[in-house]
C-alpha atoms as a PDB file:
ATOM      1  CA  MET A   1     -15.386  50.684  -9.948  1.00  0.00           C
ATOM      2  CA  LYS A   2     -14.590  53.737 -12.415  1.00  0.00           C
ATOM      3  CA  GLY A   3     -11.790  55.636 -11.778  1.00  0.00           C
ATOM      4  CA  LYS A   4      -9.439  53.425 -10.346  1.00  0.00           C
ATOM      5  CA  GLU A   5      -5.990  52.835 -11.090  1.00  0.00           C
ATOM      6  CA  PHE A   6      -5.361  49.184 -11.457  1.00  0.00           C
ATOM      7  CA  ASP A   7      -7.739  46.841 -12.186  1.00  0.00           C
ATOM      8  CA  LEU A   8      -7.182  43.767 -10.160  1.00  0.00           C
ATOM      9  CA  LEU A   9      -5.402  42.806  -6.640  1.00  0.00           C
ATOM     10  CA  THR A  10      -5.587  38.831  -5.841  1.00  0.00           C
ATOM     11  CA  PHE A  11      -4.617  38.333  -2.069  1.00  0.00           C
ATOM     12  CA  GLY A  12      -3.522  34.260  -1.380  1.00  0.00           C
ATOM     13  CA  ARG A  13      -0.584  31.486  -1.992  1.00  0.00           C
ATOM     14  CA  SER A  14       1.916  32.241  -4.445  1.00  0.00           C
ATOM     15  CA  SER A  15       4.506  28.393  -5.014  1.00  0.00           C
ATOM     16  CA  ILE A  16       6.710  26.964  -7.209  1.00  0.00           C
ATOM     17  CA  ASP A  17       4.876  23.822  -8.328  1.00  0.00           C
ATOM     18  CA  LEU A  18       6.566  20.859  -9.712  1.00  0.00           C
ATOM     19  CA  TYR A  19       4.862  18.754 -11.962  1.00  0.00           C
ATOM     20  CA  SER A  20       5.271  15.831 -13.242  1.00  0.00           C
ATOM     21  CA  GLN A  21       7.143  14.612 -16.624  1.00  0.00           C
ATOM     22  CA  ASN A  22       5.936  11.284 -16.956  1.00  0.00           C
ATOM     23  CA  ILE A  23       2.855  11.712 -17.535  1.00  0.00           C
ATOM     24  CA  GLY A  24       0.251   8.247 -16.811  1.00  0.00           C
ATOM     25  CA  ALA A  25       2.713   7.542 -13.816  1.00  0.00           C
ATOM     26  CA  ASP A  26       2.031   6.724 -10.888  1.00  0.00           C
ATOM     27  CA  PHE A  27       3.886   9.071  -8.547  1.00  0.00           C
ATOM     28  CA  ILE A  28       6.028   6.676  -7.208  1.00  0.00           C
ATOM     29  CA  ASP A  29       7.374   5.700 -10.554  1.00  0.00           C
ATOM     30  CA  ILE A  30       7.543   9.927 -11.514  1.00  0.00           C
ATOM     31  CA  LYS A  31      11.274  10.109 -13.269  1.00  0.00           C
ATOM     32  CA  GLY A  32      11.280  13.842 -12.872  1.00  0.00           C
ATOM     33  CA  PHE A  33       9.476  17.765 -12.664  1.00  0.00           C
ATOM     34  CA  ASP A  34       9.287  20.505 -14.101  1.00  0.00           C
ATOM     35  CA  ALA A  35       9.469  23.690 -11.935  1.00  0.00           C
ATOM     36  CA  PHE A  36       6.568  25.853 -12.692  1.00  0.00           C
ATOM     37  CA  VAL A  37       5.057  28.542 -10.883  1.00  0.00           C
ATOM     38  CA  GLY A  38       1.368  28.344  -8.532  1.00  0.00           C
ATOM     39  CA  GLY A  39      -1.059  28.890  -6.158  1.00  0.00           C
ATOM     40  CA  SER A  40      -4.840  30.321  -6.717  1.00  0.00           C
ATOM     41  CA  PRO A  41      -4.387  34.365  -6.655  1.00  0.00           C
ATOM     42  CA  LEU A  42      -0.808  33.879  -8.413  1.00  0.00           C
ATOM     43  CA  ASN A  43      -2.551  31.869 -11.303  1.00  0.00           C
ATOM     44  CA  ILE A  44      -5.452  34.134 -11.645  1.00  0.00           C
ATOM     45  CA  ALA A  45      -3.701  37.191 -11.870  1.00  0.00           C
ATOM     46  CA  VAL A  46      -1.063  35.648 -13.883  1.00  0.00           C
ATOM     47  CA  GLY A  47      -4.340  34.774 -16.232  1.00  0.00           C
ATOM     48  CA  ALA A  48      -5.933  37.570 -15.771  1.00  0.00           C
ATOM     49  CA  SER A  49      -2.474  39.718 -16.666  1.00  0.00           C
ATOM     50  CA  ARG A  50      -2.591  37.168 -20.274  1.00  0.00           C
ATOM     51  CA  LEU A  51      -5.166  39.256 -21.313  1.00  0.00           C
ATOM     52  CA  GLY A  52      -5.096  41.567 -20.554  1.00  0.00           C
ATOM     53  CA  ALA A  53      -6.036  43.728 -16.981  1.00  0.00           C
ATOM     54  CA  LYS A  54      -3.696  45.695 -15.290  1.00  0.00           C
ATOM     55  CA  VAL A  55      -3.116  43.127 -12.373  1.00  0.00           C
ATOM     56  CA  SER A  56      -1.734  42.809  -8.944  1.00  0.00           C
ATOM     57  CA  LEU A  57      -0.493  40.000  -6.513  1.00  0.00           C
ATOM     58  CA  LEU A  58      -0.525  40.245  -2.895  1.00  0.00           C
ATOM     59  CA  THR A  59       1.187  37.461  -0.797  1.00  0.00           C
ATOM     60  CA  GLY A  60       4.040  37.073   0.890  1.00  0.00           C
ATOM     61  CA  ILE A  61       7.189  34.809  -0.329  1.00  0.00           C
ATOM     62  CA  GLY A  62      10.281  34.015   2.056  1.00  0.00           C
ATOM     63  CA  ASP A  63      13.620  35.712   1.598  1.00  0.00           C
ATOM     64  CA  ASP A  64      14.814  33.026  -0.784  1.00  0.00           C
ATOM     65  CA  LYS A  65      16.466  31.251  -3.801  1.00  0.00           C
ATOM     66  CA  VAL A  66      11.856  29.877  -4.873  1.00  0.00           C
ATOM     67  CA  GLY A  67      10.602  33.601  -3.789  1.00  0.00           C
ATOM     68  CA  ASP A  68      13.038  34.583  -6.031  1.00  0.00           C
ATOM     69  CA  PHE A  69      11.755  32.525  -8.955  1.00  0.00           C
ATOM     70  CA  ILE A  70       8.080  33.454  -8.378  1.00  0.00           C
ATOM     71  CA  ILE A  71       9.173  37.096  -8.210  1.00  0.00           C
ATOM     72  CA  ASN A  72      11.224  36.973 -11.549  1.00  0.00           C
ATOM     73  CA  PHE A  73       8.073  34.899 -13.387  1.00  0.00           C
ATOM     74  CA  LEU A  74       5.989  37.099 -12.416  1.00  0.00           C
ATOM     75  CA  LYS A  75       7.681  39.988 -13.473  1.00  0.00           C
ATOM     76  CA  ASN A  76       7.614  38.283 -16.835  1.00  0.00           C
ATOM     77  CA  GLN A  77       3.846  38.194 -16.524  1.00  0.00           C
ATOM     78  CA  ASN A  78       3.189  42.401 -16.177  1.00  0.00           C
ATOM     79  CA  VAL A  79       2.018  41.545 -12.778  1.00  0.00           C
ATOM     80  CA  GLY A  80       2.646  43.600 -10.071  1.00  0.00           C
ATOM     81  CA  THR A  81       5.197  42.943  -7.527  1.00  0.00           C
ATOM     82  CA  LYS A  82       5.545  45.444  -5.008  1.00  0.00           C
ATOM     83  CA  THR A  83       2.424  43.685  -3.307  1.00  0.00           C
ATOM     84  CA  ILE A  84       4.871  41.075  -2.310  1.00  0.00           C
ATOM     85  CA  ALA A  85       6.094  41.009   1.118  1.00  0.00           C
ATOM     86  CA  ARG A  86       8.887  39.081   1.978  1.00  0.00           C
ATOM     87  CA  ILE A  87       9.118  37.161   5.135  1.00  0.00           C
ATOM     88  CA  PRO A  88      12.369  37.063   7.859  1.00  0.00           C
ATOM     89  CA  GLY A  89      12.881  33.417   8.155  1.00  0.00           C
ATOM     90  CA  ALA A  90       9.137  31.975   6.284  1.00  0.00           C
ATOM     91  CA  ARG A  91       9.531  29.918   3.323  1.00  0.00           C
ATOM     92  CA  SER A  92       7.872  30.343   0.585  1.00  0.00           C
ATOM     93  CA  SER A  93       5.688  27.816  -0.787  1.00  0.00           C
ATOM     94  CA  ALA A  94       6.149  24.428  -2.907  1.00  0.00           C
ATOM     95  CA  VAL A  95       3.004  21.843  -4.491  1.00  0.00           C
ATOM     96  CA  VAL A  96       4.480  18.790  -6.181  1.00  0.00           C
ATOM     97  CA  LEU A  97       2.399  16.953  -8.631  1.00  0.00           C
ATOM     98  CA  GLY A  98       1.263  14.181 -10.263  1.00  0.00           C
ATOM     99  CA  ILE A  99      -0.424  13.623 -13.542  1.00  0.00           C
ATOM    100  CA  GLU A 100      -2.306  10.438 -15.099  1.00  0.00           C
ATOM    101  CA  PRO A 101      -5.626  12.188 -17.081  1.00  0.00           C
ATOM    102  CA  PRO A 102      -8.169  11.935 -16.957  1.00  0.00           C
ATOM    103  CA  ASP A 103      -8.909  11.892 -13.495  1.00  0.00           C
ATOM    104  CA  ARG A 104      -6.017  10.922 -11.212  1.00  0.00           C
ATOM    105  CA  PHE A 105      -3.637  14.273 -10.088  1.00  0.00           C
ATOM    106  CA  PRO A 106      -2.354  14.194  -7.176  1.00  0.00           C
ATOM    107  CA  LEU A 107      -0.841  16.588  -5.340  1.00  0.00           C
ATOM    108  CA  VAL A 108       1.328  17.029  -2.491  1.00  0.00           C
ATOM    109  CA  TYR A 109       1.507  20.321  -0.553  1.00  0.00           C
ATOM    110  CA  TYR A 110       4.957  21.497   1.731  1.00  0.00           C
ATOM    111  CA  ARG A 111       3.396  24.735   3.541  1.00  0.00           C
ATOM    112  CA  ASP A 112       5.159  24.240   6.775  1.00  0.00           C
ATOM    113  CA  ASN A 113       5.896  27.731   7.887  1.00  0.00           C
ATOM    114  CA  ALA A 114       4.250  29.101   4.704  1.00  0.00           C
ATOM    115  CA  ALA A 115       5.469  32.664   3.561  1.00  0.00           C
ATOM    116  CA  ASP A 116       1.931  33.489   1.868  1.00  0.00           C
ATOM    117  CA  SER A 117       0.108  32.195   5.658  1.00  0.00           C
ATOM    118  CA  GLN A 118       2.033  35.036   7.149  1.00  0.00           C
ATOM    119  CA  VAL A 119       1.431  38.090   5.614  1.00  0.00           C
ATOM    120  CA  THR A 120      -0.217  40.631   8.055  1.00  0.00           C
ATOM    121  CA  ILE A 121      -3.040  43.565   8.453  1.00  0.00           C
ATOM    122  CA  ASP A 122       0.106  46.089   7.431  1.00  0.00           C
ATOM    123  CA  HIS A 123       0.843  44.408   4.455  1.00  0.00           C
ATOM    124  CA  ALA A 124      -2.621  45.006   3.070  1.00  0.00           C
ATOM    125  CA  ILE A 125      -2.761  48.508   4.448  1.00  0.00           C
ATOM    126  CA  ALA A 126       0.390  48.734   1.552  1.00  0.00           C
ATOM    127  CA  ALA A 127      -0.643  47.535  -1.062  1.00  0.00           C
ATOM    128  CA  LYS A 128      -3.133  50.276  -0.943  1.00  0.00           C
ATOM    129  CA  ILE A 129      -6.502  48.065  -1.930  1.00  0.00           C
ATOM    130  CA  GLU A 130      -8.731  51.856  -3.045  1.00  0.00           C
ATOM    131  CA  ARG A 131      -6.636  51.859  -5.930  1.00  0.00           C
ATOM    132  CA  TYR A 132      -8.108  48.586  -7.549  1.00  0.00           C
ATOM    133  CA  ARG A 133     -11.514  47.471  -9.447  1.00  0.00           C
ATOM    134  CA  VAL A 134     -11.647  44.503  -7.846  1.00  0.00           C
ATOM    135  CA  LEU A 135     -10.076  42.478  -4.602  1.00  0.00           C
ATOM    136  CA  GLU A 136      -9.835  38.675  -5.869  1.00  0.00           C
ATOM    137  CA  ILE A 137      -9.534  36.504  -2.265  1.00  0.00           C
ATOM    138  CA  SER A 138      -8.543  33.021  -1.695  1.00  0.00           C
ATOM    139  CA  ALA A 139     -10.531  31.032   0.891  1.00  0.00           C
ATOM    140  CA  THR A 140      -7.063  28.964   1.867  1.00  0.00           C
ATOM    141  CA  ALA A 141      -5.818  32.068   2.935  1.00  0.00           C
ATOM    142  CA  LEU A 142      -8.632  32.404   6.275  1.00  0.00           C
ATOM    143  CA  ASN A 143      -6.964  29.327   7.774  1.00  0.00           C
ATOM    144  CA  ILE A 144      -4.279  30.743  10.290  1.00  0.00           C
ATOM    145  CA  GLU A 145      -2.903  34.094  11.418  1.00  0.00           C
ATOM    146  CA  PRO A 146      -2.038  36.845  10.633  1.00  0.00           C
ATOM    147  CA  SER A 147      -3.206  36.463   7.303  1.00  0.00           C
ATOM    148  CA  ARG A 148      -6.474  35.193   8.616  1.00  0.00           C
ATOM    149  CA  SER A 149      -6.889  38.723  10.016  1.00  0.00           C
ATOM    150  CA  ALA A 150      -5.073  40.541   6.893  1.00  0.00           C
ATOM    151  CA  VAL A 151      -7.719  39.384   4.383  1.00  0.00           C
ATOM    152  CA  PHE A 152     -10.795  40.734   6.718  1.00  0.00           C
ATOM    153  CA  TYR A 153      -8.865  43.757   6.983  1.00  0.00           C
ATOM    154  CA  ALA A 154      -8.695  43.486   2.822  1.00  0.00           C
ATOM    155  CA  VAL A 155     -12.453  42.851   2.653  1.00  0.00           C
ATOM    156  CA  GLU A 156     -13.642  45.686   4.798  1.00  0.00           C
ATOM    157  CA  ASN A 157     -11.678  47.599   3.471  1.00  0.00           C
ATOM    158  CA  ALA A 158     -12.280  47.279   0.075  1.00  0.00           C
ATOM    159  CA  PHE A 159     -16.103  47.595   0.730  1.00  0.00           C
ATOM    160  CA  GLU A 160     -15.680  50.707   2.465  1.00  0.00           C
ATOM    161  CA  ASN A 161     -13.823  52.049  -0.987  1.00  0.00           C
ATOM    162  CA  GLY A 162     -15.980  50.638  -4.114  1.00  0.00           C
ATOM    163  CA  VAL A 163     -14.352  48.109  -4.849  1.00  0.00           C
ATOM    164  CA  ASP A 164     -16.122  44.507  -5.962  1.00  0.00           C
ATOM    165  CA  VAL A 165     -15.168  41.275  -4.022  1.00  0.00           C
ATOM    166  CA  VAL A 166     -15.088  38.065  -5.842  1.00  0.00           C
ATOM    167  CA  LEU A 167     -13.807  35.236  -3.218  1.00  0.00           C
ATOM    168  CA  ASP A 168     -12.638  32.123  -4.720  1.00  0.00           C
ATOM    169  CA  ILE A 169     -14.160  29.271  -2.008  1.00  0.00           C
ATOM    170  CA  ASP A 170     -10.548  27.145  -2.622  1.00  0.00           C
ATOM    171  CA  PHE A 171     -11.220  24.583  -0.354  1.00  0.00           C
ATOM    172  CA  ARG A 172      -8.171  23.025   0.625  1.00  0.00           C
ATOM    173  CA  ALA A 173      -8.716  20.305   3.559  1.00  0.00           C
ATOM    174  CA  ASP A 174      -5.114  19.842   3.885  1.00  0.00           C
ATOM    175  CA  GLN A 175      -5.296  23.126   5.354  1.00  0.00           C
ATOM    176  CA  TRP A 176      -7.452  22.856   7.907  1.00  0.00           C
ATOM    177  CA  LYS A 177      -7.353  21.533  10.991  1.00  0.00           C
ATOM    178  CA  ASP A 178     -11.093  21.391  11.300  1.00  0.00           C
ATOM    179  CA  LEU A 179     -12.474  20.975   8.623  1.00  0.00           C
ATOM    180  CA  ARG A 180     -15.879  22.559   9.771  1.00  0.00           C
ATOM    181  CA  SER A 181     -14.048  26.220  11.089  1.00  0.00           C
ATOM    182  CA  PHE A 182     -13.432  26.666   7.304  1.00  0.00           C
ATOM    183  CA  GLY A 183     -17.509  27.235   6.213  1.00  0.00           C
ATOM    184  CA  LEU A 184     -17.412  29.377   9.087  1.00  0.00           C
ATOM    185  CA  MET A 185     -15.027  31.493   7.908  1.00  0.00           C
ATOM    186  CA  VAL A 186     -15.757  31.718   4.462  1.00  0.00           C
ATOM    187  CA  ARG A 187     -19.531  32.190   6.184  1.00  0.00           C
ATOM    188  CA  ALA A 188     -18.085  34.908   7.981  1.00  0.00           C
ATOM    189  CA  ILE A 189     -16.990  36.630   5.271  1.00  0.00           C
ATOM    190  CA  LEU A 190     -19.819  36.585   2.658  1.00  0.00           C
ATOM    191  CA  PRO A 191     -21.778  39.298   3.653  1.00  0.00           C
ATOM    192  CA  LYS A 192     -19.053  41.678   1.892  1.00  0.00           C
ATOM    193  CA  VAL A 193     -18.598  39.574  -0.732  1.00  0.00           C
ATOM    194  CA  LYS A 194     -19.690  40.642  -4.194  1.00  0.00           C
ATOM    195  CA  ILE A 195     -19.432  37.338  -6.321  1.00  0.00           C
ATOM    196  CA  ALA A 196     -18.360  34.262  -4.771  1.00  0.00           C
ATOM    197  CA  ILE A 197     -16.855  31.491  -7.092  1.00  0.00           C
ATOM    198  CA  GLY A 198     -17.001  27.058  -6.285  1.00  0.00           C
ATOM    199  CA  THR A 199     -17.424  23.689  -7.196  1.00  0.00           C
ATOM    200  CA  GLU A 200     -20.366  21.959  -6.075  1.00  0.00           C
ATOM    201  CA  GLU A 201     -17.640  20.031  -3.324  1.00  0.00           C
ATOM    202  CA  GLU A 202     -16.245  23.781  -2.181  1.00  0.00           C
ATOM    203  CA  ILE A 203     -20.056  24.827  -1.757  1.00  0.00           C
ATOM    204  CA  LEU A 204     -20.526  21.692   0.492  1.00  0.00           C
ATOM    205  CA  ALA A 205     -17.573  22.577   2.633  1.00  0.00           C
ATOM    206  CA  ALA A 206     -18.478  26.313   3.289  1.00  0.00           C
ATOM    207  CA  THR A 207     -22.321  25.206   5.136  1.00  0.00           C
ATOM    208  CA  LEU A 208     -20.334  22.547   6.585  1.00  0.00           C
ATOM    209  CA  GLN A 209     -21.455  22.106  10.198  1.00  0.00           C
ATOM    210  CA  ASN A 210     -21.505  18.979  11.427  1.00  0.00           C
ATOM    211  CA  ALA A 211     -18.738  16.630  11.771  1.00  0.00           C
ATOM    212  CA  ASP A 212     -21.278  13.256  10.300  1.00  0.00           C
ATOM    213  CA  GLN A 213     -21.781  15.162   7.019  1.00  0.00           C
ATOM    214  CA  VAL A 214     -17.537  14.271   6.253  1.00  0.00           C
ATOM    215  CA  HIS A 215     -16.516  10.964   4.695  1.00  0.00           C
ATOM    216  CA  ILE A 216     -12.734  10.670   4.716  1.00  0.00           C
ATOM    217  CA  SER A 217     -10.630   7.972   3.633  1.00  0.00           C
ATOM    218  CA  HIS A 218      -7.819   6.503   4.622  1.00  0.00           C
ATOM    219  CA  GLN A 219      -5.675   7.549   1.531  1.00  0.00           C
ATOM    220  CA  GLN A 220      -7.626  10.495   0.803  1.00  0.00           C
ATOM    221  CA  ILE A 221      -8.043  12.787   3.817  1.00  0.00           C
ATOM    222  CA  SER A 222      -6.630  15.590   1.055  1.00  0.00           C
ATOM    223  CA  ALA A 223     -10.092  15.156  -0.722  1.00  0.00           C
ATOM    224  CA  PRO A 224     -12.847  14.101   2.200  1.00  0.00           C
ATOM    225  CA  GLU A 225     -16.464  14.015   1.056  1.00  0.00           C
ATOM    226  CA  ILE A 226     -18.974  16.100   2.165  1.00  0.00           C
ATOM    227  CA  LYS A 227     -22.079  14.901   2.148  1.00  0.00           C
ATOM    228  CA  GLY A 228     -25.173  17.365   1.462  1.00  0.00           C
ATOM    229  CA  ASP A 229     -28.000  18.865  -0.774  1.00  0.00           C
ATOM    230  CA  VAL A 230     -26.278  21.395  -3.340  1.00  0.00           C
ATOM    231  CA  GLU A 231     -28.807  23.788  -4.301  1.00  0.00           C
ATOM    232  CA  GLU A 232     -30.011  24.086  -0.198  1.00  0.00           C
ATOM    233  CA  SER A 233     -26.374  25.006   0.132  1.00  0.00           C
ATOM    234  CA  ILE A 234     -26.117  27.384  -2.416  1.00  0.00           C
ATOM    235  CA  GLN A 235     -29.331  28.805  -1.900  1.00  0.00           C
ATOM    236  CA  LYS A 236     -27.607  29.551   2.140  1.00  0.00           C
ATOM    237  CA  ILE A 237     -23.879  30.996   0.590  1.00  0.00           C
ATOM    238  CA  ILE A 238     -27.015  33.444  -2.160  1.00  0.00           C
ATOM    239  CA  ARG A 239     -28.397  34.326   1.017  1.00  0.00           C
ATOM    240  CA  SER A 240     -24.975  34.945   3.020  1.00  0.00           C
ATOM    241  CA  GLY A 241     -24.504  38.245   1.404  1.00  0.00           C
ATOM    242  CA  PRO A 242     -22.832  38.028  -2.413  1.00  0.00           C
ATOM    243  CA  GLU A 243     -25.251  39.134  -5.449  1.00  0.00           C
ATOM    244  CA  LEU A 244     -24.253  36.325  -7.038  1.00  0.00           C
ATOM    245  CA  LEU A 245     -22.547  32.948  -6.817  1.00  0.00           C
ATOM    246  CA  ILE A 246     -20.701  31.191  -9.533  1.00  0.00           C
ATOM    247  CA  VAL A 247     -20.978  26.897  -9.668  1.00  0.00           C
ATOM    248  CA  LYS A 248     -18.106  25.924 -11.945  1.00  0.00           C
ATOM    249  CA  ARG A 249     -19.019  22.112 -13.074  1.00  0.00           C
ATOM    250  CA  GLY A 250     -16.390  21.546 -15.213  1.00  0.00           C
ATOM    251  CA  SER A 251     -17.112  20.680 -18.744  1.00  0.00           C
ATOM    252  CA  LYS A 252     -20.377  21.132 -18.190  1.00  0.00           C
ATOM    253  CA  GLY A 253     -19.711  24.955 -17.993  1.00  0.00           C
ATOM    254  CA  ALA A 254     -20.665  26.591 -14.850  1.00  0.00           C
ATOM    255  CA  SER A 255     -24.172  28.190 -13.513  1.00  0.00           C
ATOM    256  CA  ILE A 256     -24.672  31.841 -12.227  1.00  0.00           C
ATOM    257  CA  TYR A 257     -26.998  31.924  -9.068  1.00  0.00           C
ATOM    258  CA  SER A 258     -28.660  35.559  -7.929  1.00  0.00           C
ATOM    259  CA  ARG A 259     -29.773  36.485  -5.477  1.00  0.00           C
ATOM    260  CA  ASP A 260     -33.052  37.481  -6.617  1.00  0.00           C
ATOM    261  CA  GLY A 261     -33.333  33.464  -7.031  1.00  0.00           C
ATOM    262  CA  LYS A 262     -33.034  33.071 -10.548  1.00  0.00           C
ATOM    263  CA  ARG A 263     -30.110  30.211 -12.521  1.00  0.00           C
ATOM    264  CA  GLN A 264     -28.523  30.431 -15.922  1.00  0.00           C
ATOM    265  CA  ASP A 265     -26.272  27.864 -17.194  1.00  0.00           C
ATOM    266  CA  VAL A 266     -23.483  28.423 -18.699  1.00  0.00           C
ATOM    267  CA  PRO A 267     -22.411  25.954 -21.157  1.00  0.00           C
ATOM    268  CA  GLY A 268     -18.493  25.143 -21.166  1.00  0.00           C
ATOM    269  CA  PHE A 269     -16.109  23.648 -23.979  1.00  0.00           C
ATOM    270  CA  PRO A 270     -15.884  20.205 -24.279  1.00  0.00           C
ATOM    271  CA  VAL A 271     -12.160  19.159 -24.715  1.00  0.00           C
ATOM    272  CA  GLU A 272     -10.054  16.194 -24.415  1.00  0.00           C
ATOM    273  CA  ILE A 273      -8.318  16.502 -20.544  1.00  0.00           C
ATOM    274  CA  LEU A 274      -4.664  16.361 -20.699  1.00  0.00           C
ATOM    275  CA  ASN A 275      -4.710  17.638 -16.260  1.00  0.00           C
ATOM    276  CA  VAL A 276      -7.348  19.357 -14.577  1.00  0.00           C
ATOM    277  CA  LEU A 277      -4.893  21.778 -12.301  1.00  0.00           C
ATOM    278  CA  GLY A 278      -5.728  24.842 -12.395  1.00  0.00           C
ATOM    279  CA  ALA A 279      -9.168  25.130 -14.728  1.00  0.00           C
ATOM    280  CA  GLY A 280     -10.676  26.543 -11.680  1.00  0.00           C
ATOM    281  CA  ASP A 281      -7.729  29.318 -11.759  1.00  0.00           C
ATOM    282  CA  ALA A 282      -8.343  29.864 -15.310  1.00  0.00           C
ATOM    283  CA  PHE A 283     -12.333  30.096 -15.531  1.00  0.00           C
ATOM    284  CA  ALA A 284     -11.470  32.586 -12.628  1.00  0.00           C
ATOM    285  CA  SER A 285      -8.841  34.733 -14.480  1.00  0.00           C
ATOM    286  CA  GLY A 286     -11.526  34.777 -17.746  1.00  0.00           C
ATOM    287  CA  PHE A 287     -14.713  35.520 -15.628  1.00  0.00           C
ATOM    288  CA  ILE A 288     -12.663  38.201 -13.613  1.00  0.00           C
ATOM    289  CA  PHE A 289     -11.692  39.585 -17.172  1.00  0.00           C
ATOM    290  CA  GLY A 290     -14.734  39.883 -18.707  1.00  0.00           C
ATOM    291  CA  TYR A 291     -16.824  41.107 -15.838  1.00  0.00           C
ATOM    292  CA  LEU A 292     -13.753  44.314 -16.375  1.00  0.00           C
ATOM    293  CA  GLN A 293     -15.242  44.774 -19.145  1.00  0.00           C
ATOM    294  CA  GLY A 294     -17.820  45.523 -18.952  1.00  0.00           C
ATOM    295  CA  TRP A 295     -20.181  42.210 -20.094  1.00  0.00           C
ATOM    296  CA  ASP A 296     -23.024  40.936 -18.788  1.00  0.00           C
ATOM    297  CA  ILE A 297     -22.422  37.643 -16.525  1.00  0.00           C
ATOM    298  CA  PHE A 298     -23.191  34.876 -18.745  1.00  0.00           C
ATOM    299  CA  LYS A 299     -20.821  36.048 -21.573  1.00  0.00           C
ATOM    300  CA  ALA A 300     -17.930  35.922 -18.563  1.00  0.00           C
ATOM    301  CA  CYS A 301     -18.693  32.864 -17.503  1.00  0.00           C
ATOM    302  CA  ARG A 302     -18.532  31.879 -20.787  1.00  0.00           C
ATOM    303  CA  LEU A 303     -14.733  33.656 -21.441  1.00  0.00           C
ATOM    304  CA  GLY A 304     -14.161  31.892 -17.759  1.00  0.00           C
ATOM    305  CA  ASN A 305     -15.465  28.233 -19.133  1.00  0.00           C
ATOM    306  CA  ALA A 306     -13.043  29.167 -22.942  1.00  0.00           C
ATOM    307  CA  SER A 307      -9.784  29.714 -20.465  1.00  0.00           C
ATOM    308  CA  GLY A 308     -10.496  26.742 -18.225  1.00  0.00           C
ATOM    309  CA  ALA A 309     -11.044  24.589 -21.003  1.00  0.00           C
ATOM    310  CA  TRP A 310      -7.576  26.066 -22.846  1.00  0.00           C
ATOM    311  CA  VAL A 311      -5.901  24.718 -19.510  1.00  0.00           C
ATOM    312  CA  VAL A 312      -6.729  22.187 -18.721  1.00  0.00           C
ATOM    313  CA  GLN A 313      -5.263  20.522 -22.268  1.00  0.00           C
ATOM    314  CA  ARG A 314      -1.833  21.829 -21.152  1.00  0.00           C
ATOM    315  CA  SER A 315       0.358  21.328 -18.232  1.00  0.00           C
ATOM    316  CA  GLY A 316       1.188  23.610 -15.469  1.00  0.00           C
ATOM    317  CA  CYS A 317      -1.320  26.105 -13.830  1.00  0.00           C
ATOM    318  CA  ALA A 318       0.328  30.072 -14.511  1.00  0.00           C
ATOM    319  CA  ASN A 319       2.537  28.760 -17.086  1.00  0.00           C
ATOM    320  CA  ALA A 320      -0.822  27.309 -19.075  1.00  0.00           C
ATOM    321  CA  MET A 321      -3.237  30.638 -19.141  1.00  0.00           C
ATOM    322  CA  PRO A 322      -4.020  32.024 -22.358  1.00  0.00           C
ATOM    323  CA  TYR A 323      -3.715  35.398 -23.775  1.00  0.00           C
ATOM    324  CA  TYR A 324      -5.791  37.120 -24.839  1.00  0.00           C
ATOM    325  CA  ASP A 325      -5.829  36.689 -28.801  1.00  0.00           C
ATOM    326  CA  GLU A 326      -5.022  32.833 -28.711  1.00  0.00           C
ATOM    327  CA  LEU A 327      -8.049  32.531 -26.194  1.00  0.00           C
ATOM    328  CA  MET A 328     -10.354  34.227 -28.511  1.00  0.00           C
ATOM    329  CA  GLN A 329      -9.487  32.180 -31.387  1.00  0.00           C
ATOM    330  CA  PHE A 330      -9.501  28.795 -29.568  1.00  0.00           C
ATOM    331  CA  VAL A 331     -13.736  31.125 -28.764  1.00  0.00           C
ATOM    332  CA  GLU A 332     -14.571  31.535 -32.578  1.00  0.00           C
ATOM    333  CA  SER A 333     -13.625  28.542 -33.226  1.00  0.00           C
ATOM    334  CA  ARG A 334     -15.791  26.625 -30.259  1.00  0.00           C
ATOM    335  CA  GLY A 335     -18.463  28.782 -32.212  1.00  0.00           C
ATOM    336  CA  GLY A 336     -18.329  31.907 -30.139  1.00  0.00           C
ATOM    337  CA  LEU A 337     -19.045  33.337 -26.430  1.00  0.00           C
ATOM    338  CA  ILE A 338     -23.111  33.675 -27.608  1.00  0.00           C
ATOM    339  CA  PRO A 339     -23.631  30.857 -28.658  1.00  0.00           C
ATOM    340  CA  GLY A 340     -24.868  30.938 -32.197  1.00  0.00           C
ATOM    341  CA  ASP A 341     -23.053  34.240 -32.351  1.00  0.00           C
ATOM    342  CA  LYS A 342     -19.683  33.870 -33.560  1.00  0.00           C
ATOM    343  CA  GLN A 343     -18.823  37.785 -32.797  1.00  0.00           C
ATOM    344  CA  VAL A 344     -16.165  37.810 -29.878  1.00  0.00           C
END
């Protein structure tokens, strides 16, 4: 990774996020919304930039006011925007979110004719991926052409040019016509991925092969229950190519699985939860930043856990990402990155 001009390029979704102003209200009773930005790769880009990394975002936006809103925010966050494509005739994505702590956070995606799904191989070529140390990709971008081929091209280019590939498994059930195709796409790209990151549910989805493994509630088609043996699924992913699989476990922290069969659990930072949306992206931004600093994986995961804990206490995803100094103050107040050691 040495000798690269930039630290991190993230690739995938971007959107305007409308967050409920009425914390705890049923979705049908929401009276107003705050306008933020979102999309997993965008959130990770902003989080890593705030911590001090040199970051760009590869995505697509429409030639519209929402696209202007997204670009303006990113420029103010020192995220490179030259890699963002304006897609004629397409729309910048939108998400509407409710906040009903501690465990209900309903969200609705508006992604018909989504510009970020229309990023092409030519856009990936123009991004000059070889200039970055790390390429982070979102698996949602694999759901449809032309972004699917653009992701495969980007990963191949990174692999051939010494750019480490980090995969956020990023499972969004309502973005796939057949849930089994999600697993097929993820498993196809894993051989060129160095580090994969996901929740237990996402890992099960990434290894899904049979329709009878899925239970879909009539009320919650966007979050189906996927049955299976999590440990078996973890080993299947590891056997598919990555050197490391990081399993996000919420307030419990994270677990590191390596190709040599070892597992290491990394404790989290328990806090009072306001909003879990964006916590996984905050984890990824903190983890990748630590990885870029050359920290060992345990310490990088601890920073990821701290960043996730910071964000769940606030409303918003990218807008709530911590800056380096305030995150380190939080870490020091909670025992340091290495438990029992105040040195960070």
